[in-house]
Amino acid sequence: MKRLNFTLDNPTVELLNELSEKYYSGNKSQTVRAALESLATHQGHDGWVITGYTQVMLDHDVQCHSCGLEHPEGRMLFKPVFERGKSPEAILNIPDEEWIECSKCIEKV
């Protein structure tokens, strides 16, 4: 183990505290490690990754991509925003099915 000395602004400290409590039982080192691993994965990915979600008002009944629960027309759910990786085959591999997520499933990510 090595001790590092660096300064974080207040919003970053608050975010670190919030994430460490929510996901890692207050372990800030584990939280920073997970964030760095996630960043490294996204920086070097070859295919497509979800970088966020946008709200969408359903104009027909649809099932959540993750849990399969059916949601009726008129509900507000979420559609993923994909980021392309470095692979020359990424365009061929982008998901082409309708991909809608419910709020419970995107909170689990």
PDB file of N, CA and C in Angstrom:
ATOM      1  N   MET A   1       0.852  -1.170   0.000  1.00  0.00           N
ATOM      2  CA  MET A   1       0.000   0.000   0.000  1.00  0.00           C
ATOM      3  C   MET A   1       0.892   1.225   0.000  1.00  0.00           C
ATOM      4  N   LYS A   2       0.463   2.236  -0.743  1.00  0.00           N
ATOM      5  CA  LYS A   2       1.229   3.475  -0.834  1.00  0.00           C
ATOM      6  C   LYS A   2       0.301   4.651  -0.578  1.00  0.00           C
ATOM      7  N   ARG A   3       0.775   5.599   0.189  1.00  0.00           N
ATOM      8  CA  ARG A   3      -0.015   6.792   0.500  1.00  0.00           C
ATOM      9  C   ARG A   3       0.270   7.859  -0.549  1.00  0.00           C
ATOM     10  N   LEU A   4      -0.800   8.437  -1.126  1.00  0.00           N
ATOM     11  CA  LEU A   4      -0.673   9.508  -2.097  1.00  0.00           C
ATOM     12  C   LEU A   4      -1.245  10.782  -1.496  1.00  0.00           C
ATOM     13  N   ASN A   5      -0.656  11.900  -1.837  1.00  0.00           N
ATOM     14  CA  ASN A   5      -1.120  13.176  -1.332  1.00  0.00           C
ATOM     15  C   ASN A   5      -1.569  14.026  -2.514  1.00  0.00           C
ATOM     16  N   PHE A   6      -2.882  14.255  -2.622  1.00  0.00           N
ATOM     17  CA  PHE A   6      -3.396  15.137  -3.660  1.00  0.00           C
ATOM     18  C   PHE A   6      -4.629  15.851  -3.124  1.00  0.00           C
ATOM     19  N   THR A   7      -5.009  16.928  -3.776  1.00  0.00           N
ATOM     20  CA  THR A   7      -6.106  17.765  -3.314  1.00  0.00           C
ATOM     21  C   THR A   7      -7.302  17.604  -4.241  1.00  0.00           C
ATOM     22  N   LEU A   8      -8.483  17.455  -3.657  1.00  0.00           N
ATOM     23  CA  LEU A   8      -9.728  17.350  -4.404  1.00  0.00           C
ATOM     24  C   LEU A   8     -10.607  18.539  -4.057  1.00  0.00           C
ATOM     25  N   ASP A   9     -11.349  19.045  -5.034  1.00  0.00           N
ATOM     26  CA  ASP A   9     -12.277  20.136  -4.734  1.00  0.00           C
ATOM     27  C   ASP A   9     -13.462  19.593  -3.934  1.00  0.00           C
ATOM     28  N   ASN A  10     -14.216  20.479  -3.320  1.00  0.00           N
ATOM     29  CA  ASN A  10     -15.311  20.072  -2.436  1.00  0.00           C
ATOM     30  C   ASN A  10     -16.368  19.206  -3.114  1.00  0.00           C
ATOM     31  N   PRO A  11     -16.821  19.551  -4.340  1.00  0.00           N
ATOM     32  CA  PRO A  11     -17.816  18.675  -4.984  1.00  0.00           C
ATOM     33  C   PRO A  11     -17.285  17.258  -5.233  1.00  0.00           C
ATOM     34  N   THR A  12     -15.991  17.141  -5.536  1.00  0.00           N
ATOM     35  CA  THR A  12     -15.406  15.817  -5.754  1.00  0.00           C
ATOM     36  C   THR A  12     -15.334  15.035  -4.457  1.00  0.00           C
ATOM     37  N   VAL A  13     -14.991  15.699  -3.374  1.00  0.00           N
ATOM     38  CA  VAL A  13     -14.952  15.057  -2.064  1.00  0.00           C
ATOM     39  C   VAL A  13     -16.346  14.571  -1.677  1.00  0.00           C
ATOM     40  N   GLU A  14     -17.361  15.400  -1.922  1.00  0.00           N
ATOM     41  CA  GLU A  14     -18.738  15.010  -1.610  1.00  0.00           C
ATOM     42  C   GLU A  14     -19.169  13.796  -2.436  1.00  0.00           C
ATOM     43  N   LEU A  15     -18.806  13.809  -3.723  1.00  0.00           N
ATOM     44  CA  LEU A  15     -19.141  12.683  -4.590  1.00  0.00           C
ATOM     45  C   LEU A  15     -18.426  11.419  -4.127  1.00  0.00           C
ATOM     46  N   LEU A  16     -17.162  11.520  -3.782  1.00  0.00           N
ATOM     47  CA  LEU A  16     -16.402  10.378  -3.287  1.00  0.00           C
ATOM     48  C   LEU A  16     -17.044   9.816  -2.020  1.00  0.00           C
ATOM     49  N   ASN A  17     -17.413  10.697  -1.098  1.00  0.00           N
ATOM     50  CA  ASN A  17     -18.071  10.252   0.136  1.00  0.00           C
ATOM     51  C   ASN A  17     -19.391   9.548  -0.160  1.00  0.00           C
ATOM     52  N   GLU A  18     -20.194  10.143  -1.041  1.00  0.00           N
ATOM     53  CA  GLU A  18     -21.500   9.578  -1.380  1.00  0.00           C
ATOM     54  C   GLU A  18     -21.357   8.200  -2.027  1.00  0.00           C
ATOM     55  N   LEU A  19     -20.467   8.098  -3.015  1.00  0.00           N
ATOM     56  CA  LEU A  19     -20.285   6.820  -3.711  1.00  0.00           C
ATOM     57  C   LEU A  19     -19.683   5.752  -2.809  1.00  0.00           C
ATOM     58  N   SER A  20     -18.728   6.152  -1.985  1.00  0.00           N
ATOM     59  CA  SER A  20     -18.099   5.158  -1.107  1.00  0.00           C
ATOM     60  C   SER A  20     -19.101   4.616  -0.092  1.00  0.00           C
ATOM     61  N   GLU A  21     -19.972   5.469   0.432  1.00  0.00           N
ATOM     62  CA  GLU A  21     -20.993   5.006   1.376  1.00  0.00           C
ATOM     63  C   GLU A  21     -22.029   4.126   0.688  1.00  0.00           C
ATOM     64  N   LYS A  22     -22.445   4.542  -0.508  1.00  0.00           N
ATOM     65  CA  LYS A  22     -23.513   3.836  -1.213  1.00  0.00           C
ATOM     66  C   LYS A  22     -23.074   2.467  -1.717  1.00  0.00           C
ATOM     67  N   TYR A  23     -21.848   2.377  -2.237  1.00  0.00           N
ATOM     68  CA  TYR A  23     -21.429   1.147  -2.917  1.00  0.00           C
ATOM     69  C   TYR A  23     -20.318   0.355  -2.221  1.00  0.00           C
ATOM     70  N   TYR A  24     -19.507   1.009  -1.376  1.00  0.00           N
ATOM     71  CA  TYR A  24     -18.319   0.338  -0.852  1.00  0.00           C
ATOM     72  C   TYR A  24     -18.160   0.463   0.658  1.00  0.00           C
ATOM     73  N   SER A  25     -19.264   0.542   1.374  1.00  0.00           N
ATOM     74  CA  SER A  25     -19.248   0.593   2.846  1.00  0.00           C
ATOM     75  C   SER A  25     -18.285   1.645   3.393  1.00  0.00           C
ATOM     76  N   GLY A  26     -18.184   2.777   2.699  1.00  0.00           N
ATOM     77  CA  GLY A  26     -17.328   3.871   3.158  1.00  0.00           C
ATOM     78  C   GLY A  26     -15.870   3.746   2.775  1.00  0.00           C
ATOM     79  N   ASN A  27     -15.492   2.694   2.054  1.00  0.00           N
ATOM     80  CA  ASN A  27     -14.094   2.488   1.671  1.00  0.00           C
ATOM     81  C   ASN A  27     -13.749   3.367   0.468  1.00  0.00           C
ATOM     82  N   LYS A  28     -13.095   4.487   0.727  1.00  0.00           N
ATOM     83  CA  LYS A  28     -12.768   5.449  -0.329  1.00  0.00           C
ATOM     84  C   LYS A  28     -11.711   4.915  -1.293  1.00  0.00           C
ATOM     85  N   SER A  29     -10.783   4.132  -0.798  1.00  0.00           N
ATOM     86  CA  SER A  29      -9.762   3.552  -1.666  1.00  0.00           C
ATOM     87  C   SER A  29     -10.395   2.623  -2.699  1.00  0.00           C
ATOM     88  N   GLN A  30     -11.316   1.794  -2.250  1.00  0.00           N
ATOM     89  CA  GLN A  30     -12.004   0.878  -3.162  1.00  0.00           C
ATOM     90  C   GLN A  30     -12.856   1.660  -4.161  1.00  0.00           C
ATOM     91  N   THR A  31     -13.439   2.748  -3.731  1.00  0.00           N
ATOM     92  CA  THR A  31     -14.252   3.588  -4.611  1.00  0.00           C
ATOM     93  C   THR A  31     -13.392   4.203  -5.708  1.00  0.00           C
ATOM     94  N   VAL A  32     -12.251   4.761  -5.348  1.00  0.00           N
ATOM     95  CA  VAL A  32     -11.343   5.357  -6.331  1.00  0.00           C
ATOM     96  C   VAL A  32     -10.829   4.286  -7.281  1.00  0.00           C
ATOM     97  N   ARG A  33     -10.490   3.113  -6.774  1.00  0.00           N
ATOM     98  CA  ARG A  33     -10.011   2.016  -7.623  1.00  0.00           C
ATOM     99  C   ARG A  33     -11.071   1.623  -8.649  1.00  0.00           C
ATOM    100  N   ALA A  34     -12.329   1.485  -8.211  1.00  0.00           N
ATOM    101  CA  ALA A  34     -13.414   1.124  -9.122  1.00  0.00           C
ATOM    102  C   ALA A  34     -13.607   2.205 -10.188  1.00  0.00           C
ATOM    103  N   ALA A  35     -13.510   3.464  -9.789  1.00  0.00           N
ATOM    104  CA  ALA A  35     -13.659   4.559 -10.753  1.00  0.00           C
ATOM    105  C   ALA A  35     -12.529   4.538 -11.783  1.00  0.00           C
ATOM    106  N   LEU A  36     -11.315   4.288 -11.331  1.00  0.00           N
ATOM    107  CA  LEU A  36     -10.177   4.224 -12.260  1.00  0.00           C
ATOM    108  C   LEU A  36     -10.289   3.030 -13.202  1.00  0.00           C
ATOM    109  N   GLU A  37     -10.746   1.894 -12.680  1.00  0.00           N
ATOM    110  CA  GLU A  37     -10.933   0.719 -13.535  1.00  0.00           C
ATOM    111  C   GLU A  37     -12.003   0.985 -14.587  1.00  0.00           C
ATOM    112  N   SER A  38     -13.076   1.651 -14.188  1.00  0.00           N
ATOM    113  CA  SER A  38     -14.136   1.987 -15.133  1.00  0.00           C
ATOM    114  C   SER A  38     -13.621   2.935 -16.213  1.00  0.00           C
ATOM    115  N   LEU A  39     -12.862   3.936 -15.806  1.00  0.00           N
ATOM    116  CA  LEU A  39     -12.289   4.882 -16.756  1.00  0.00           C
ATOM    117  C   LEU A  39     -11.361   4.166 -17.740  1.00  0.00           C
ATOM    118  N   ALA A  40     -10.519   3.288 -17.234  1.00  0.00           N
ATOM    119  CA  ALA A  40      -9.594   2.554 -18.097  1.00  0.00           C
ATOM    120  C   ALA A  40     -10.344   1.681 -19.095  1.00  0.00           C
ATOM    121  N   THR A  41     -11.400   1.047 -18.641  1.00  0.00           N
ATOM    122  CA  THR A  41     -12.207   0.200 -19.526  1.00  0.00           C
ATOM    123  C   THR A  41     -12.819   1.031 -20.639  1.00  0.00           C
ATOM    124  N   HIS A  42     -13.377   2.179 -20.290  1.00  0.00           N
ATOM    125  CA  HIS A  42     -14.025   3.020 -21.293  1.00  0.00           C
ATOM    126  C   HIS A  42     -13.013   3.637 -22.260  1.00  0.00           C
ATOM    127  N   GLN A  43     -11.828   3.928 -21.810  1.00  0.00           N
ATOM    128  CA  GLN A  43     -10.832   4.549 -22.679  1.00  0.00           C
ATOM    129  C   GLN A  43     -10.291   3.583 -23.723  1.00  0.00           C
ATOM    130  N   GLY A  44     -10.193   2.304 -23.384  1.00  0.00           N
ATOM    131  CA  GLY A  44      -9.593   1.350 -24.304  1.00  0.00           C
ATOM    132  C   GLY A  44     -10.560   0.384 -24.941  1.00  0.00           C
ATOM    133  N   HIS A  45     -11.860   0.634 -24.829  1.00  0.00           N
ATOM    134  CA  HIS A  45     -12.823  -0.341 -25.323  1.00  0.00           C
ATOM    135  C   HIS A  45     -12.830  -0.401 -26.845  1.00  0.00           C
ATOM    136  N   ASP A  46     -13.137  -1.584 -27.364  1.00  0.00           N
ATOM    137  CA  ASP A  46     -13.162  -1.796 -28.801  1.00  0.00           C
ATOM    138  C   ASP A  46     -14.543  -1.656 -29.413  1.00  0.00           C
ATOM    139  N   GLY A  47     -15.568  -2.046 -28.683  1.00  0.00           N
ATOM    140  CA  GLY A  47     -16.911  -2.049 -29.240  1.00  0.00           C
ATOM    141  C   GLY A  47     -17.700  -0.825 -28.851  1.00  0.00           C
ATOM    142  N   TRP A  48     -18.851  -1.048 -28.223  1.00  0.00           N
ATOM    143  CA  TRP A  48     -19.741   0.025 -27.807  1.00  0.00           C
ATOM    144  C   TRP A  48     -19.977  -0.072 -26.309  1.00  0.00           C
ATOM    145  N   VAL A  49     -20.019   1.053 -25.634  1.00  0.00           N
ATOM    146  CA  VAL A  49     -20.364   1.084 -24.216  1.00  0.00           C
ATOM    147  C   VAL A  49     -21.457   2.126 -24.001  1.00  0.00           C
ATOM    148  N   ILE A  50     -22.239   1.935 -22.961  1.00  0.00           N
ATOM    149  CA  ILE A  50     -23.274   2.902 -22.603  1.00  0.00           C
ATOM    150  C   ILE A  50     -22.618   4.000 -21.771  1.00  0.00           C
ATOM    151  N   THR A  51     -22.731   5.240 -22.249  1.00  0.00           N
ATOM    152  CA  THR A  51     -22.125   6.364 -21.537  1.00  0.00           C
ATOM    153  C   THR A  51     -23.142   7.174 -20.748  1.00  0.00           C
ATOM    154  N   GLY A  52     -24.414   6.872 -20.921  1.00  0.00           N
ATOM    155  CA  GLY A  52     -25.459   7.586 -20.206  1.00  0.00           C
ATOM    156  C   GLY A  52     -26.817   7.178 -20.737  1.00  0.00           C
ATOM    157  N   TYR A  53     -27.834   7.889 -20.293  1.00  0.00           N
ATOM    158  CA  TYR A  53     -29.208   7.591 -20.706  1.00  0.00           C
ATOM    159  C   TYR A  53     -29.934   8.886 -21.017  1.00  0.00           C
ATOM    160  N   THR A  54     -30.898   8.798 -21.904  1.00  0.00           N
ATOM    161  CA  THR A  54     -31.771   9.917 -22.198  1.00  0.00           C
ATOM    162  C   THR A  54     -33.210   9.472 -21.952  1.00  0.00           C
ATOM    163  N   GLN A  55     -34.024  10.380 -21.445  1.00  0.00           N
ATOM    164  CA  GLN A  55     -35.419  10.034 -21.173  1.00  0.00           C
ATOM    165  C   GLN A  55     -36.189   9.909 -22.476  1.00  0.00           C
ATOM    166  N   VAL A  56     -37.132   8.985 -22.489  1.00  0.00           N
ATOM    167  CA  VAL A  56     -37.984   8.795 -23.650  1.00  0.00           C
ATOM    168  C   VAL A  56     -39.399   8.490 -23.174  1.00  0.00           C
ATOM    169  N   MET A  57     -40.372   9.175 -23.794  1.00  0.00           N
ATOM    170  CA  MET A  57     -41.786   8.911 -23.515  1.00  0.00           C
ATOM    171  C   MET A  57     -42.219   7.789 -24.447  1.00  0.00           C
ATOM    172  N   LEU A  58     -42.709   6.698 -23.868  1.00  0.00           N
ATOM    173  CA  LEU A  58     -43.082   5.536 -24.676  1.00  0.00           C
ATOM    174  C   LEU A  58     -44.305   5.845 -25.534  1.00  0.00           C
ATOM    175  N   ASP A  59     -44.194   5.520 -26.829  1.00  0.00           N
ATOM    176  CA  ASP A  59     -45.337   5.692 -27.721  1.00  0.00           C
ATOM    177  C   ASP A  59     -45.991   4.346 -28.050  1.00  0.00           C
ATOM    178  N   HIS A  60     -45.516   3.294 -27.388  1.00  0.00           N
ATOM    179  CA  HIS A  60     -46.093   1.957 -27.497  1.00  0.00           C
ATOM    180  C   HIS A  60     -45.620   1.135 -26.296  1.00  0.00           C
ATOM    181  N   ASP A  61     -46.259   0.008 -26.033  1.00  0.00           N
ATOM    182  CA  ASP A  61     -45.839  -0.865 -24.932  1.00  0.00           C
ATOM    183  C   ASP A  61     -44.449  -1.419 -25.250  1.00  0.00           C
ATOM    184  N   VAL A  62     -43.610  -1.518 -24.231  1.00  0.00           N
ATOM    185  CA  VAL A  62     -42.245  -2.006 -24.446  1.00  0.00           C
ATOM    186  C   VAL A  62     -41.756  -2.727 -23.191  1.00  0.00           C
ATOM    187  N   GLN A  63     -40.842  -3.666 -23.381  1.00  0.00           N
ATOM    188  CA  GLN A  63     -40.229  -4.374 -22.261  1.00  0.00           C
ATOM    189  C   GLN A  63     -38.869  -3.757 -21.943  1.00  0.00           C
ATOM    190  N   CYS A  64     -38.542  -3.702 -20.649  1.00  0.00           N
ATOM    191  CA  CYS A  64     -37.219  -3.253 -20.220  1.00  0.00           C
ATOM    192  C   CYS A  64     -36.192  -4.241 -20.742  1.00  0.00           C
ATOM    193  N   HIS A  65     -35.117  -3.730 -21.302  1.00  0.00           N
ATOM    194  CA  HIS A  65     -34.064  -4.568 -21.865  1.00  0.00           C
ATOM    195  C   HIS A  65     -33.408  -5.457 -20.809  1.00  0.00           C
ATOM    196  N   SER A  66     -33.283  -4.946 -19.589  1.00  0.00           N
ATOM    197  CA  SER A  66     -32.584  -5.693 -18.535  1.00  0.00           C
ATOM    198  C   SER A  66     -33.473  -6.664 -17.766  1.00  0.00           C
ATOM    199  N   CYS A  67     -34.606  -6.183 -17.258  1.00  0.00           N
ATOM    200  CA  CYS A  67     -35.434  -7.045 -16.401  1.00  0.00           C
ATOM    201  C   CYS A  67     -36.602  -7.693 -17.138  1.00  0.00           C
ATOM    202  N   GLY A  68     -36.940  -7.175 -18.327  1.00  0.00           N
ATOM    203  CA  GLY A  68     -38.018  -7.760 -19.110  1.00  0.00           C
ATOM    204  C   GLY A  68     -39.416  -7.330 -18.710  1.00  0.00           C
ATOM    205  N   LEU A  69     -39.529  -6.484 -17.685  1.00  0.00           N
ATOM    206  CA  LEU A  69     -40.835  -6.017 -17.232  1.00  0.00           C
ATOM    207  C   LEU A  69     -41.469  -5.148 -18.319  1.00  0.00           C
ATOM    208  N   GLU A  70     -42.742  -5.401 -18.622  1.00  0.00           N
ATOM    209  CA  GLU A  70     -43.449  -4.630 -19.648  1.00  0.00           C
ATOM    210  C   GLU A  70     -43.935  -3.300 -19.085  1.00  0.00           C
ATOM    211  N   HIS A  71     -43.763  -2.255 -19.883  1.00  0.00           N
ATOM    212  CA  HIS A  71     -44.190  -0.905 -19.504  1.00  0.00           C
ATOM    213  C   HIS A  71     -45.145  -0.381 -20.570  1.00  0.00           C
ATOM    214  N   PRO A  72     -46.245   0.266 -20.143  1.00  0.00           N
ATOM    215  CA  PRO A  72     -47.254   0.727 -21.090  1.00  0.00           C
ATOM    216  C   PRO A  72     -46.896   2.045 -21.775  1.00  0.00           C
ATOM    217  N   GLU A  73     -47.551   2.270 -22.881  1.00  0.00           N
ATOM    218  CA  GLU A  73     -47.437   3.535 -23.605  1.00  0.00           C
ATOM    219  C   GLU A  73     -47.688   4.695 -22.640  1.00  0.00           C
ATOM    220  N   GLY A  74     -46.942   5.782 -22.822  1.00  0.00           N
ATOM    221  CA  GLY A  74     -47.124   6.969 -21.989  1.00  0.00           C
ATOM    222  C   GLY A  74     -46.170   7.073 -20.815  1.00  0.00           C
ATOM    223  N   ARG A  75     -45.500   5.989 -20.466  1.00  0.00           N
ATOM    224  CA  ARG A  75     -44.525   6.024 -19.359  1.00  0.00           C
ATOM    225  C   ARG A  75     -43.239   6.693 -19.825  1.00  0.00           C
ATOM    226  N   MET A  76     -42.505   7.280 -18.893  1.00  0.00           N
ATOM    227  CA  MET A  76     -41.217   7.886 -19.176  1.00  0.00           C
ATOM    228  C   MET A  76     -40.146   6.898 -18.734  1.00  0.00           C
ATOM    229  N   LEU A  77     -39.372   6.378 -19.689  1.00  0.00           N
ATOM    230  CA  LEU A  77     -38.282   5.449 -19.386  1.00  0.00           C
ATOM    231  C   LEU A  77     -36.992   6.003 -19.960  1.00  0.00           C
ATOM    232  N   PHE A  78     -35.994   5.150 -20.129  1.00  0.00           N
ATOM    233  CA  PHE A  78     -34.669   5.621 -20.506  1.00  0.00           C
ATOM    234  C   PHE A  78     -34.088   4.815 -21.659  1.00  0.00           C
ATOM    235  N   LYS A  79     -33.462   5.537 -22.580  1.00  0.00           N
ATOM    236  CA  LYS A  79     -32.802   4.922 -23.730  1.00  0.00           C
ATOM    237  C   LYS A  79     -31.301   5.160 -23.579  1.00  0.00           C
ATOM    238  N   PRO A  80     -30.473   4.115 -23.770  1.00  0.00           N
ATOM    239  CA  PRO A  80     -29.029   4.303 -23.588  1.00  0.00           C
ATOM    240  C   PRO A  80     -28.411   5.168 -24.687  1.00  0.00           C
ATOM    241  N   VAL A  81     -27.355   5.875 -24.309  1.00  0.00           N
ATOM    242  CA  VAL A  81     -26.528   6.614 -25.252  1.00  0.00           C
ATOM    243  C   VAL A  81     -25.237   5.811 -25.374  1.00  0.00           C
ATOM    244  N   PHE A  82     -24.927   5.362 -26.583  1.00  0.00           N
ATOM    245  CA  PHE A  82     -23.764   4.524 -26.807  1.00  0.00           C
ATOM    246  C   PHE A  82     -22.565   5.360 -27.246  1.00  0.00           C
ATOM    247  N   GLU A  83     -21.387   4.915 -26.842  1.00  0.00           N
ATOM    248  CA  GLU A  83     -20.142   5.508 -27.304  1.00  0.00           C
ATOM    249  C   GLU A  83     -19.375   4.448 -28.076  1.00  0.00           C
ATOM    250  N   ARG A  84     -18.896   4.820 -29.236  1.00  0.00           N
ATOM    251  CA  ARG A  84     -18.163   3.896 -30.087  1.00  0.00           C
ATOM    252  C   ARG A  84     -16.732   3.735 -29.600  1.00  0.00           C
ATOM    253  N   GLY A  85     -16.236   2.501 -29.676  1.00  0.00           N
ATOM    254  CA  GLY A  85     -14.859   2.215 -29.334  1.00  0.00           C
ATOM    255  C   GLY A  85     -13.947   2.349 -30.538  1.00  0.00           C
ATOM    256  N   LYS A  86     -12.765   1.762 -30.443  1.00  0.00           N
ATOM    257  CA  LYS A  86     -11.740   1.912 -31.467  1.00  0.00           C
ATOM    258  C   LYS A  86     -11.773   0.825 -32.528  1.00  0.00           C
ATOM    259  N   SER A  87     -12.553  -0.197 -32.336  1.00  0.00           N
ATOM    260  CA  SER A  87     -12.579  -1.305 -33.269  1.00  0.00           C
ATOM    261  C   SER A  87     -13.112  -0.877 -34.631  1.00  0.00           C
ATOM    262  N   PRO A  88     -12.463  -1.313 -35.728  1.00  0.00           N
ATOM    263  CA  PRO A  88     -12.990  -0.999 -37.057  1.00  0.00           C
ATOM    264  C   PRO A  88     -14.317  -1.710 -37.331  1.00  0.00           C
ATOM    265  N   GLU A  89     -14.662  -2.706 -36.516  1.00  0.00           N
ATOM    266  CA  GLU A  89     -15.911  -3.437 -36.692  1.00  0.00           C
ATOM    267  C   GLU A  89     -17.023  -2.925 -35.767  1.00  0.00           C
ATOM    268  N   ALA A  90     -16.776  -1.837 -35.050  1.00  0.00           N
ATOM    269  CA  ALA A  90     -17.753  -1.326 -34.094  1.00  0.00           C
ATOM    270  C   ALA A  90     -19.070  -0.960 -34.767  1.00  0.00           C
ATOM    271  N   ILE A  91     -19.011  -0.346 -35.941  1.00  0.00           N
ATOM    272  CA  ILE A  91     -20.243   0.055 -36.638  1.00  0.00           C
ATOM    273  C   ILE A  91     -21.115  -1.168 -36.916  1.00  0.00           C
ATOM    274  N   LEU A  92     -20.502  -2.281 -37.269  1.00  0.00           N
ATOM    275  CA  LEU A  92     -21.251  -3.499 -37.561  1.00  0.00           C
ATOM    276  C   LEU A  92     -21.859  -4.121 -36.312  1.00  0.00           C
ATOM    277  N   ASN A  93     -21.315  -3.792 -35.149  1.00  0.00           N
ATOM    278  CA  ASN A  93     -21.730  -4.444 -33.917  1.00  0.00           C
ATOM    279  C   ASN A  93     -22.599  -3.603 -32.989  1.00  0.00           C
ATOM    280  N   ILE A  94     -23.012  -2.420 -33.429  1.00  0.00           N
ATOM    281  CA  ILE A  94     -23.881  -1.615 -32.556  1.00  0.00           C
ATOM    282  C   ILE A  94     -25.222  -2.338 -32.393  1.00  0.00           C
ATOM    283  N   PRO A  95     -25.744  -2.382 -31.175  1.00  0.00           N
ATOM    284  CA  PRO A  95     -27.034  -3.043 -30.965  1.00  0.00           C
ATOM    285  C   PRO A  95     -28.111  -2.406 -31.846  1.00  0.00           C
ATOM    286  N   ASP A  96     -28.855  -3.236 -32.545  1.00  0.00           N
ATOM    287  CA  ASP A  96     -29.879  -2.699 -33.445  1.00  0.00           C
ATOM    288  C   ASP A  96     -31.301  -2.948 -32.952  1.00  0.00           C
ATOM    289  N   GLU A  97     -31.449  -3.608 -31.804  1.00  0.00           N
ATOM    290  CA  GLU A  97     -32.787  -3.820 -31.266  1.00  0.00           C
ATOM    291  C   GLU A  97     -33.232  -2.597 -30.464  1.00  0.00           C
ATOM    292  N   GLU A  98     -34.542  -2.517 -30.242  1.00  0.00           N
ATOM    293  CA  GLU A  98     -35.055  -1.451 -29.397  1.00  0.00           C
ATOM    294  C   GLU A  98     -34.513  -1.673 -27.984  1.00  0.00           C
ATOM    295  N   TRP A  99     -33.902  -0.663 -27.396  1.00  0.00           N
ATOM    296  CA  TRP A  99     -33.247  -0.817 -26.107  1.00  0.00           C
ATOM    297  C   TRP A  99     -33.772   0.255 -25.163  1.00  0.00           C
ATOM    298  N   ILE A 100     -34.662  -0.149 -24.273  1.00  0.00           N
ATOM    299  CA  ILE A 100     -35.257   0.750 -23.282  1.00  0.00           C
ATOM    300  C   ILE A 100     -34.993   0.154 -21.902  1.00  0.00           C
ATOM    301  N   GLU A 101     -34.625   0.999 -20.952  1.00  0.00           N
ATOM    302  CA  GLU A 101     -34.362   0.564 -19.577  1.00  0.00           C
ATOM    303  C   GLU A 101     -35.332   1.266 -18.625  1.00  0.00           C
ATOM    304  N   CYS A 102     -35.770   0.556 -17.598  1.00  0.00           N
ATOM    305  CA  CYS A 102     -36.586   1.187 -16.560  1.00  0.00           C
ATOM    306  C   CYS A 102     -35.671   1.836 -15.524  1.00  0.00           C
ATOM    307  N   SER A 103     -36.235   2.694 -14.703  1.00  0.00           N
ATOM    308  CA  SER A 103     -35.437   3.441 -13.718  1.00  0.00           C
ATOM    309  C   SER A 103     -34.785   2.510 -12.695  1.00  0.00           C
ATOM    310  N   LYS A 104     -35.447   1.429 -12.318  1.00  0.00           N
ATOM    311  CA  LYS A 104     -34.853   0.505 -11.346  1.00  0.00           C
ATOM    312  C   LYS A 104     -33.594  -0.140 -11.914  1.00  0.00           C
ATOM    313  N   CYS A 105     -33.617  -0.505 -13.177  1.00  0.00           N
ATOM    314  CA  CYS A 105     -32.462  -1.175 -13.781  1.00  0.00           C
ATOM    315  C   CYS A 105     -31.283  -0.231 -13.985  1.00  0.00           C
ATOM    316  N   ILE A 106     -31.532   1.028 -14.377  1.00  0.00           N
ATOM    317  CA  ILE A 106     -30.387   1.923 -14.563  1.00  0.00           C
ATOM    318  C   ILE A 106     -29.794   2.337 -13.233  1.00  0.00           C
ATOM    319  N   GLU A 107     -30.549   2.253 -12.148  1.00  0.00           N
ATOM    320  CA  GLU A 107     -30.010   2.552 -10.822  1.00  0.00           C
ATOM    321  C   GLU A 107     -29.068   1.442 -10.351  1.00  0.00           C
ATOM    322  N   LYS A 108     -29.207   0.247 -10.887  1.00  0.00           N
ATOM    323  CA  LYS A 108     -28.374  -0.894 -10.486  1.00  0.00           C
ATOM    324  C   LYS A 108     -27.001  -0.843 -11.133  1.00  0.00           C
ATOM    325  N   VAL A 109     -26.864  -0.049 -12.188  1.00  0.00           N
ATOM    326  CA  VAL A 109     -25.605  -0.001 -12.931  1.00  0.00           C
ATOM    327  C   VAL A 109     -24.523   0.642 -12.130  1.00  0.00           C
TER     328      VAL A 109
END
